[in-house]
Amino acid sequence: MKKQNTYFVVLVILALIALTHLGLAITISTTGNWADVIDSADLQAGAGSDLLSDHESNSDQVSIDITGTAGNWQLDVKKSDTNWSASLSLYIQRTNDGSGAGSIANGTTYQQVSDTDQNFFSGSGDRTNIKIQLKLSGASVQITPDVYSTTIYYTVYDI
C-alpha cells in the first residue's frame, strides 16, 4: 500500500512540474496606433498638384513587449484591411532593440506589410519597449477621398 502512495505523490509532482512549464507561454503586448489626416497641406506644390506619396509615423509610434520566452523566438506581421485602397501600401520597421536579456535581429529597414504572415524580426530572451515606425505610401489625388483603415497583427512564435 505504501508503494502506491509514493507513486501517486511522484506522479502529482511530475504533473505539477509539467503544468508549470506549460504555463510559461510566450506573450506579446503592443501599445500605440497611428492615424494620419492627408489633406491640402500635403499637396506637393499647392493647388492642382498631387499629394506627397509617402507619410511616416513617429519613430516610436508603436511599442512591443515580448515576454515569457524560453529561448529563441520570431515575430511575424500581417495586416487585415477594413477599408483600404489597392493603391496604398503600408510599411513597417523596427527603430530600436528594446531592452532586456538576449538579443534581437532584423527588421530595421522598411518592409511592406501584406495580408499574409511574414517574418518581421527575431530574437532571444525577453525584450521590452521595442519601438516600431510605420509608413504609408501611394497617397494621391487619384484615390477617392475616404477614411482608409487597416489593422496590423503581430504574432510571436518560439523557434
Protein backbone atom coordinates (compact mmCIF):
# COMPACT_ATOMS: atom_id res chain seq x y z
CA MET A 1 0.00 0.00 0.00
CA LYS A 2 2.84 2.37 0.78
CA LYS A 3 4.37 1.97 -2.70
CA GLN A 4 1.12 3.04 -4.37
CA ASN A 5 1.01 6.27 -2.36
CA THR A 6 4.61 7.01 -3.21
CA TYR A 7 3.95 6.61 -6.92
CA PHE A 8 0.86 8.77 -6.64
CA VAL A 9 2.85 11.57 -4.98
CA VAL A 10 5.60 11.30 -7.61
CA LEU A 11 3.03 11.44 -10.43
CA VAL A 12 1.37 14.50 -8.88
CA ILE A 13 4.74 16.25 -8.56
CA LEU A 14 5.62 15.40 -12.19
CA ALA A 15 2.22 16.67 -13.34
CA LEU A 16 2.72 19.95 -11.44
CA ILE A 17 6.17 20.40 -12.98
CA ALA A 18 4.72 19.77 -16.47
CA LEU A 19 1.90 22.25 -15.88
CA THR A 20 4.39 24.84 -14.64
CA HIS A 21 6.38 24.56 -17.87
CA LEU A 22 3.23 24.73 -19.96
CA GLY A 23 2.28 27.94 -18.16
CA LEU A 24 5.44 29.67 -19.40
CA ALA A 25 3.85 30.73 -22.64
CA ILE A 26 5.47 33.44 -24.69
CA THR A 27 3.37 36.60 -24.75
CA ILE A 28 3.34 39.79 -26.76
CA SER A 29 1.77 43.11 -25.90
CA THR A 30 1.60 46.17 -28.11
CA THR A 31 0.68 49.78 -27.44
CA GLY A 32 0.13 52.55 -29.93
CA ASN A 33 -1.74 53.27 -33.12
CA TRP A 34 -1.42 55.73 -35.96
CA ALA A 35 -3.91 57.98 -37.68
CA ASP A 36 -2.80 60.47 -40.32
CA VAL A 37 -5.05 63.05 -41.95
CA ILE A 38 -3.93 63.70 -45.50
CA ASP A 39 -5.32 66.99 -46.82
CA SER A 40 -4.40 70.11 -48.82
CA ALA A 41 -1.40 70.71 -46.55
CA ASP A 42 0.09 67.53 -48.07
CA LEU A 43 0.00 68.77 -51.68
CA GLN A 44 3.40 68.64 -53.40
CA ALA A 45 3.21 72.16 -54.85
CA GLY A 46 -0.11 73.70 -53.85
CA ALA A 47 -3.45 73.67 -55.66
CA GLY A 48 -3.55 71.50 -58.76
CA SER A 49 -0.60 69.31 -57.73
CA ASP A 50 -0.62 65.74 -56.47
CA LEU A 51 -0.27 64.68 -52.84
CA LEU A 52 3.03 63.72 -51.26
CA SER A 53 3.10 59.96 -51.77
CA ASP A 54 4.82 58.92 -48.51
CA HIS A 55 3.72 59.63 -44.94
CA GLU A 56 5.66 58.39 -41.90
CA SER A 57 4.65 57.96 -38.28
CA ASN A 58 6.90 58.91 -35.39
CA SER A 59 9.83 56.53 -34.93
CA ASP A 60 8.31 55.31 -31.64
CA GLN A 61 4.67 55.08 -32.76
CA VAL A 62 4.18 51.50 -31.54
CA SER A 63 5.87 49.74 -28.63
CA ILE A 64 6.14 45.95 -28.37
CA ASP A 65 6.96 43.80 -25.32
CA ILE A 66 7.83 40.11 -25.77
CA THR A 67 7.97 38.16 -22.51
CA GLY A 68 7.75 34.62 -21.18
CA THR A 69 10.28 33.40 -23.71
CA ALA A 70 12.06 30.09 -23.34
CA GLY A 71 14.78 30.77 -25.88
CA ASN A 72 14.66 31.91 -29.48
CA TRP A 73 11.54 33.47 -31.00
CA GLN A 74 10.29 35.02 -34.23
CA LEU A 75 7.82 37.88 -34.71
CA ASP A 76 5.57 37.79 -37.79
CA VAL A 77 3.43 40.64 -39.06
CA LYS A 78 0.42 40.93 -41.36
CA LYS A 79 -2.44 43.34 -41.96
CA SER A 80 -6.19 42.96 -42.27
CA ASP A 81 -7.96 45.72 -44.15
CA THR A 82 -11.20 47.31 -43.02
CA ASN A 83 -11.39 49.82 -45.87
CA TRP A 84 -8.26 50.06 -47.98
CA SER A 85 -7.29 51.22 -51.46
CA ALA A 86 -5.21 48.86 -53.58
CA SER A 87 -3.09 51.94 -54.45
CA LEU A 88 -1.90 52.28 -50.85
CA SER A 89 0.98 50.34 -49.33
CA LEU A 90 1.87 50.05 -45.65
CA TYR A 91 5.44 49.57 -44.48
CA ILE A 92 6.93 48.79 -41.08
CA GLN A 93 10.35 48.94 -39.45
CA ARG A 94 11.90 48.43 -36.04
CA THR A 95 13.70 51.56 -34.79
CA ASN A 96 15.45 50.20 -31.66
CA ASP A 97 16.45 46.96 -29.97
CA GLY A 98 14.28 47.46 -26.90
CA SER A 99 15.77 46.30 -23.63
CA GLY A 100 16.15 43.07 -21.70
CA ALA A 101 18.07 39.85 -21.81
CA GLY A 102 19.05 38.16 -25.02
CA SER A 103 19.25 39.73 -28.43
CA ILE A 104 17.19 40.96 -31.35
CA ALA A 105 17.92 40.90 -35.10
CA ASN A 106 16.49 42.12 -38.43
CA GLY A 107 13.53 44.41 -39.09
CA THR A 108 15.50 47.69 -39.13
CA THR A 109 14.60 48.62 -42.70
CA TYR A 110 11.11 49.19 -44.06
CA GLN A 111 9.32 46.12 -45.34
CA GLN A 112 5.85 46.07 -46.85
CA VAL A 113 3.10 44.60 -44.69
CA SER A 114 0.88 42.21 -46.66
CA ASP A 115 -2.27 40.24 -45.95
CA THR A 116 -0.26 37.11 -45.08
CA ASP A 117 2.12 36.47 -42.19
CA GLN A 118 5.73 37.31 -42.91
CA ASN A 119 8.80 37.38 -40.68
CA PHE A 120 9.47 40.86 -39.28
CA PHE A 121 12.29 40.25 -36.79
CA SER A 122 13.57 37.60 -34.39
CA GLY A 123 15.40 37.36 -31.12
CA SER A 124 16.04 35.50 -27.92
CA GLY A 125 15.09 36.20 -24.33
CA ASP A 126 12.54 38.69 -23.08
CA ARG A 127 12.63 42.10 -24.82
CA THR A 128 10.53 45.12 -23.89
CA ASN A 129 9.97 48.60 -25.28
CA ILE A 130 10.79 47.65 -28.89
CA LYS A 131 9.84 50.70 -30.99
CA ILE A 132 8.11 50.46 -34.36
CA GLN A 133 7.66 53.04 -37.14
CA LEU A 134 5.05 52.89 -39.91
CA LYS A 135 4.98 54.40 -43.39
CA LEU A 136 2.09 54.84 -45.79
CA SER A 137 2.99 55.03 -49.47
CA GLY A 138 0.92 55.66 -52.56
CA ALA A 139 -1.19 58.61 -51.46
CA SER A 140 -2.53 60.50 -54.49
CA VAL A 141 -5.36 62.81 -55.52
CA GLN A 142 -6.30 59.94 -57.87
CA ILE A 143 -7.52 57.91 -54.86
CA THR A 144 -11.12 58.58 -53.83
CA PRO A 145 -11.18 60.59 -50.58
CA ASP A 146 -12.31 58.32 -47.74
CA VAL A 147 -11.31 57.03 -44.32
CA TYR A 148 -8.98 54.12 -45.06
CA SER A 149 -8.02 51.75 -42.27
CA THR A 150 -6.22 48.51 -41.68
CA THR A 151 -5.16 46.53 -38.61
CA ILE A 152 -1.66 45.16 -38.11
CA TYR A 153 -1.39 41.77 -36.40
CA TYR A 154 1.82 40.80 -34.61
CA THR A 155 2.36 37.10 -33.87
CA VAL A 156 5.30 35.74 -31.87
CA TYR A 157 6.48 32.13 -32.01
CA ASP A 158 9.01 30.12 -30.04
CA ILE A 159 11.50 28.69 -32.53
